Amino acid sequence: MDIIKAIVISIVQGITEFLPISSSGHILLLKRLFNFEVNDNTFDIVVHFGTIIAVIIYFRKEIYELIKALFVEKVNSALFEKVISRKDAIKLWICMIVANIPAGIVGIFFDEYLETIFGTLGEIVFLILSGLFLYTAILLFSTSVLRNKGKKDFFSISYLDAAIIGIFQAIAVLPGISRSGSTISSATFMGVESKDAGRFSFLISIPLILGAFLFKIIKNLKIDNFTDNSNILIMIIGFIVSSITGYGALKALFGIIKKGKFWAFGVYMIIPIGVSLLIYFF
């Protein structure tokens, strides 16, 4: 793999992993249009690790306060603008576990199957992708109607809310459906305030991305499928680029959420929908 290809893949992965535009859908388009196949499993793992580091760094204060609240009676949080009790923290941690159960099940039992199916489909894959991109666009546009109706804060998310958000997250295993778009939109549907919907979405993404990262390592260890002579420079570049672009994407996303413009990503989604349809028909 040359450096230019490594940088392009890292940028796409870093940006689309967190913006609500579907990283898997964009990567699939790259693979099919420009033969950007990532045959280097070590590089793929390193790039994903870079995105994990980005989200942990971005939410380091939230993570610290939520862990701290498990060990003390109360945490006076300026970040969450409230006093966090141990009960609040325990409930929230359980909600985050509940939200990850559906996606965890789908990922373990169906990820490889779906990857094989979408990898072997002919030109019809572009028609399917356009439909899945359209689904994401509809979710994003729908938040424009509900953006001022959120009354629940971060700690008011119920177990039922978490389960429903988790189901939407599990559906997002399909290429073309955005995980962040699905979880933030579904949290908004549940009446969660936009900023806290975003917080919940990305905090539950940490164990999910980390689990996928570890699962990929274990799978490749079992079949001895790591690159034997990996280019260390390319690995370092991939890690740094995916981390920086991932962090930048998170910062940009939350700036847009604060302005109440989350729905605007639906406008962007018209581009991959159109590209997919054009390729299929012509």
Protein backbone atom coordinates (compact mmCIF):
# COMPACT_ATOMS: atom_id res chain seq x y z
CA MET A 1 0.00 0.00 0.00
CA ASP A 2 1.42 3.40 -0.97
CA ILE A 3 1.37 6.44 1.32
CA ILE A 4 -1.20 8.41 -0.73
CA LYS A 5 -3.68 5.52 -0.64
CA ALA A 6 -3.07 5.07 3.09
CA ILE A 7 -3.73 8.78 3.76
CA VAL A 8 -6.94 8.81 1.68
CA ILE A 9 -8.32 5.71 3.43
CA SER A 10 -7.37 7.12 6.86
CA ILE A 11 -9.05 10.46 6.14
CA VAL A 12 -12.25 8.82 4.88
CA GLN A 13 -12.32 6.46 7.87
CA GLY A 14 -11.62 9.23 10.39
CA ILE A 15 -14.26 11.61 9.02
CA THR A 16 -17.04 9.19 8.15
CA GLU A 17 -16.66 7.09 11.34
CA PHE A 18 -18.24 9.90 13.36
CA LEU A 19 -20.15 12.15 10.97
CA PRO A 20 -23.68 10.80 10.29
CA ILE A 21 -22.93 9.86 6.67
CA SER A 22 -22.04 6.13 7.00
CA SER A 23 -18.37 5.16 7.01
CA SER A 24 -19.13 1.64 5.75
CA GLY A 25 -21.17 3.00 2.83
CA HIS A 26 -18.43 5.43 1.77
CA ILE A 27 -15.70 2.80 2.12
CA LEU A 28 -17.77 0.38 0.01
CA LEU A 29 -18.17 3.05 -2.68
CA LEU A 30 -14.41 3.68 -2.63
CA LYS A 31 -13.71 -0.03 -2.97
CA ARG A 32 -16.09 -0.54 -5.87
CA LEU A 33 -15.38 2.70 -7.75
CA PHE A 34 -11.63 3.16 -7.30
CA ASN A 35 -10.49 -0.32 -6.24
CA PHE A 36 -9.56 1.03 -2.80
CA GLU A 37 -9.54 -2.42 -1.30
CA VAL A 38 -7.76 -2.62 2.06
CA ASN A 39 -6.03 -5.99 1.84
CA ASP A 40 -3.66 -5.08 4.65
CA ASN A 41 -5.45 -6.26 7.80
CA THR A 42 -2.85 -4.69 10.09
CA PHE A 43 -3.43 -1.27 8.52
CA ASP A 44 -7.20 -1.64 8.80
CA ILE A 45 -6.87 -2.43 12.52
CA VAL A 46 -4.45 0.46 13.14
CA VAL A 47 -6.80 2.97 11.46
CA HIS A 48 -9.74 1.77 13.57
CA PHE A 49 -7.58 2.10 16.68
CA GLY A 50 -6.91 5.70 15.69
CA THR A 51 -10.65 6.46 15.69
CA ILE A 52 -11.01 4.85 19.14
CA ILE A 53 -8.30 7.13 20.52
CA ALA A 54 -10.01 10.16 18.95
CA VAL A 55 -13.37 9.54 20.64
CA ILE A 56 -11.77 8.73 24.01
CA ILE A 57 -9.74 11.96 23.93
CA TYR A 58 -12.75 14.03 22.91
CA PHE A 59 -14.95 12.63 25.69
CA ARG A 60 -12.21 12.24 28.30
CA LYS A 61 -13.90 14.63 30.77
CA GLU A 62 -17.29 12.94 30.50
CA ILE A 63 -15.70 9.51 30.91
CA TYR A 64 -13.71 10.67 33.95
CA GLU A 65 -16.74 12.15 35.70
CA LEU A 66 -18.96 9.14 34.99
CA ILE A 67 -16.31 6.75 36.35
CA LYS A 68 -15.62 8.98 39.35
CA ALA A 69 -19.35 9.09 40.18
CA LEU A 70 -19.31 5.30 40.65
CA PHE A 71 -16.91 5.61 43.59
CA VAL A 72 -18.16 8.70 45.43
CA GLU A 73 -21.61 9.68 46.63
CA LYS A 74 -21.91 12.79 44.47
CA VAL A 75 -19.97 14.64 41.78
CA ASN A 76 -20.66 18.35 41.31
CA SER A 77 -20.36 18.48 37.53
CA ALA A 78 -20.02 21.76 35.65
CA LEU A 79 -19.73 19.72 32.46
CA PHE A 80 -23.18 18.13 32.85
CA GLU A 81 -24.50 21.17 34.76
CA LYS A 82 -25.81 19.09 37.66
CA VAL A 83 -24.83 17.05 40.68
CA ILE A 84 -24.28 13.45 39.56
CA SER A 85 -25.22 10.90 42.20
CA ARG A 86 -23.87 7.36 42.28
CA LYS A 87 -27.40 6.17 41.42
CA ASP A 88 -27.43 8.40 38.32
CA ALA A 89 -24.05 7.06 37.21
CA ILE A 90 -24.96 3.40 37.73
CA LYS A 91 -28.21 3.83 35.81
CA LEU A 92 -26.42 5.53 32.93
CA TRP A 93 -23.73 2.85 32.70
CA ILE A 94 -26.45 0.18 32.59
CA CYS A 95 -28.25 2.15 29.85
CA MET A 96 -25.04 2.24 27.81
CA ILE A 97 -24.66 -1.54 28.20
CA VAL A 98 -28.30 -2.09 27.19
CA ALA A 99 -27.85 0.12 24.12
CA ASN A 100 -24.90 -1.97 22.92
CA ILE A 101 -26.46 -5.42 23.32
CA PRO A 102 -28.42 -5.48 19.98
CA ALA A 103 -25.45 -4.23 17.94
CA GLY A 104 -23.10 -6.62 19.74
CA ILE A 105 -25.30 -9.59 18.85
CA VAL A 106 -25.64 -8.52 15.22
CA GLY A 107 -21.92 -7.82 14.94
CA ILE A 108 -20.83 -11.18 16.35
CA PHE A 109 -23.24 -13.34 14.36
CA PHE A 110 -23.84 -11.41 11.13
CA ASP A 111 -20.91 -9.05 10.45
CA GLU A 112 -18.87 -11.51 8.39
CA TYR A 113 -21.97 -12.70 6.54
CA LEU A 114 -23.00 -9.15 5.59
CA GLU A 115 -19.44 -8.30 4.55
CA THR A 116 -19.40 -11.34 2.24
CA ILE A 117 -22.82 -10.55 0.77
CA PHE A 118 -22.04 -6.91 -0.01
CA GLY A 119 -18.60 -7.87 -1.30
CA THR A 120 -19.95 -10.37 -3.82
CA LEU A 121 -23.03 -8.55 -5.09
CA GLY A 122 -22.83 -7.21 -8.63
CA GLU A 123 -23.94 -3.78 -9.82
CA ILE A 124 -27.18 -4.10 -7.85
CA VAL A 125 -25.16 -3.27 -4.73
CA PHE A 126 -25.25 0.39 -5.85
CA LEU A 127 -29.06 0.35 -5.97
CA ILE A 128 -29.17 -1.20 -2.48
CA LEU A 129 -26.66 1.37 -1.22
CA SER A 130 -28.75 4.24 -2.59
CA GLY A 131 -31.77 2.93 -0.68
CA LEU A 132 -29.78 2.64 2.56
CA PHE A 133 -28.29 6.12 2.10
CA LEU A 134 -31.85 7.39 1.55
CA TYR A 135 -32.95 5.77 4.83
CA THR A 136 -30.15 7.64 6.63
CA ALA A 137 -31.11 10.91 4.91
CA ILE A 138 -34.74 10.53 6.03
CA LEU A 139 -33.63 9.93 9.63
CA LEU A 140 -31.46 13.04 9.54
CA PHE A 141 -34.13 15.24 7.95
CA SER A 142 -36.69 14.08 10.53
CA THR A 143 -34.61 15.57 13.36
CA SER A 144 -35.31 19.06 11.99
CA VAL A 145 -38.95 18.66 13.07
CA LEU A 146 -38.02 17.44 16.56
CA ARG A 147 -34.90 19.46 17.37
CA ASN A 148 -36.70 21.88 19.72
CA LYS A 149 -38.80 19.23 21.47
CA GLY A 150 -36.09 17.48 23.45
CA LYS A 151 -36.85 17.67 27.18
CA LYS A 152 -34.79 14.78 28.54
CA ASP A 153 -31.25 15.41 29.67
CA PHE A 154 -28.38 12.91 29.62
CA PHE A 155 -29.39 11.29 32.90
CA SER A 156 -33.09 11.06 32.04
CA ILE A 157 -32.50 8.42 29.37
CA SER A 158 -34.50 5.34 30.41
CA TYR A 159 -33.72 1.67 29.91
CA LEU A 160 -36.44 1.54 27.25
CA ASP A 161 -34.92 4.55 25.47
CA ALA A 162 -31.54 2.82 25.55
CA ALA A 163 -32.99 -0.40 24.13
CA ILE A 164 -34.70 1.43 21.25
CA ILE A 165 -31.54 3.41 20.50
CA GLY A 166 -29.66 0.09 20.57
CA ILE A 167 -32.00 -1.42 17.98
CA PHE A 168 -31.43 1.55 15.66
CA GLN A 169 -27.68 1.13 16.22
CA ALA A 170 -27.89 -2.57 15.32
CA ILE A 171 -29.68 -1.76 12.05
CA ALA A 172 -26.78 0.55 11.22
CA VAL A 173 -24.50 -2.45 10.71
CA LEU A 174 -25.72 -2.28 7.09
CA PRO A 175 -23.45 -0.26 4.77
CA GLY A 176 -25.06 3.07 3.93
CA ILE A 177 -26.79 3.46 7.29
CA SER A 178 -24.95 5.77 9.67
CA ARG A 179 -24.43 4.55 13.24
CA SER A 180 -24.17 8.05 14.67
CA GLY A 181 -27.04 9.28 12.50
CA SER A 182 -29.24 6.40 13.66
CA THR A 183 -28.44 6.70 17.36
CA ILE A 184 -28.63 10.50 17.58
CA SER A 185 -31.85 10.58 15.54
CA SER A 186 -33.49 7.80 17.58
CA ALA A 187 -32.47 9.50 20.86
CA THR A 188 -34.05 12.68 19.51
CA PHE A 189 -37.22 10.70 18.74
CA MET A 190 -37.19 9.59 22.40
CA GLY A 191 -37.21 13.25 23.47
CA VAL A 192 -33.54 13.57 24.41
CA GLU A 193 -32.04 17.05 23.98
CA SER A 194 -29.79 17.20 20.90
CA LYS A 195 -26.44 17.72 22.64
CA ASP A 196 -27.09 14.92 25.13
CA ALA A 197 -28.31 12.66 22.31
CA GLY A 198 -24.91 13.21 20.69
CA ARG A 199 -23.06 12.53 23.94
CA PHE A 200 -24.94 9.29 24.51
CA SER A 201 -24.39 8.20 20.91
CA PHE A 202 -20.62 8.55 21.06
CA LEU A 203 -20.14 7.27 24.60
CA ILE A 204 -21.89 4.02 23.62
CA SER A 205 -19.72 3.93 20.49
CA ILE A 206 -16.54 3.47 22.56
CA PRO A 207 -17.21 -0.12 23.73
CA LEU A 208 -18.76 -0.91 20.34
CA ILE A 209 -15.77 0.27 18.28
CA LEU A 210 -13.37 -1.23 20.83
CA GLY A 211 -15.23 -4.55 20.70
CA ALA A 212 -15.12 -4.56 16.89
CA PHE A 213 -11.41 -3.70 17.08
CA LEU A 214 -10.65 -6.61 19.43
CA PHE A 215 -12.88 -8.97 17.42
CA LYS A 216 -10.94 -8.10 14.27
CA ILE A 217 -7.62 -8.75 16.03
CA ILE A 218 -8.77 -12.13 17.37
CA LYS A 219 -10.18 -13.16 13.98
CA ASN A 220 -6.94 -12.30 12.20
CA LEU A 221 -4.82 -14.02 14.84
CA LYS A 222 -6.82 -17.22 14.40
CA ILE A 223 -6.23 -17.30 10.66
CA ASP A 224 -2.70 -15.85 10.88
CA ASN A 225 -3.79 -13.07 8.56
CA PHE A 226 -1.66 -10.16 9.70
CA THR A 227 0.80 -8.57 7.31
CA ASP A 228 4.23 -10.16 7.77
CA ASN A 229 6.29 -7.19 6.58
CA SER A 230 4.16 -4.22 7.53
CA ASN A 231 5.45 -0.80 6.60
CA ILE A 232 5.81 0.89 10.00
CA LEU A 233 5.76 4.40 8.49
CA ILE A 234 2.44 3.76 6.75
CA MET A 235 0.98 2.33 9.98
CA ILE A 236 2.07 5.42 11.93
CA ILE A 237 0.67 7.74 9.24
CA GLY A 238 -2.64 5.84 9.20
CA PHE A 239 -2.97 6.02 12.98
CA ILE A 240 -2.14 9.74 13.19
CA VAL A 241 -4.34 10.76 10.24
CA SER A 242 -7.38 8.75 11.40
CA SER A 243 -6.99 10.09 14.96
CA ILE A 244 -6.71 13.74 13.88
CA THR A 245 -9.50 13.60 11.30
CA GLY A 246 -11.71 11.64 13.71
CA TYR A 247 -11.21 14.24 16.46
CA GLY A 248 -11.83 17.06 13.99
CA ALA A 249 -15.00 15.38 12.74
CA LEU A 250 -16.31 15.05 16.31
CA LYS A 251 -15.59 18.70 17.06
CA ALA A 252 -17.28 19.84 13.85
CA LEU A 253 -20.29 17.58 14.46
CA PHE A 254 -20.97 18.92 17.94
CA GLY A 255 -20.63 22.47 16.68
CA ILE A 256 -23.33 21.70 14.11
CA ILE A 257 -25.53 19.97 16.71
CA LYS A 258 -25.32 23.02 19.01
CA LYS A 259 -26.55 25.19 16.14
CA GLY A 260 -29.51 22.84 15.61
CA LYS A 261 -28.33 21.94 12.10
CA PHE A 262 -27.89 18.18 12.49
CA TRP A 263 -30.48 17.66 9.76
CA ALA A 264 -28.14 19.38 7.26
CA PHE A 265 -26.17 16.15 6.86
CA GLY A 266 -29.28 14.82 5.14
CA VAL A 267 -28.61 17.33 2.37
CA TYR A 268 -25.12 15.92 1.91
CA MET A 269 -26.51 12.37 1.76
CA ILE A 270 -28.14 13.24 -1.57
CA ILE A 271 -24.63 13.06 -3.11
CA PRO A 272 -23.86 9.38 -2.35
CA ILE A 273 -27.49 8.50 -3.14
CA GLY A 274 -27.13 10.14 -6.55
CA VAL A 275 -23.70 8.62 -7.21
CA SER A 276 -24.98 5.13 -6.38
CA LEU A 277 -28.05 5.49 -8.61
CA LEU A 278 -26.06 6.92 -11.52
CA ILE A 279 -23.59 4.03 -11.42
CA TYR A 280 -26.40 1.48 -11.24
CA PHE A 281 -28.40 2.89 -14.14
CA PHE A 282 -25.56 4.00 -16.44
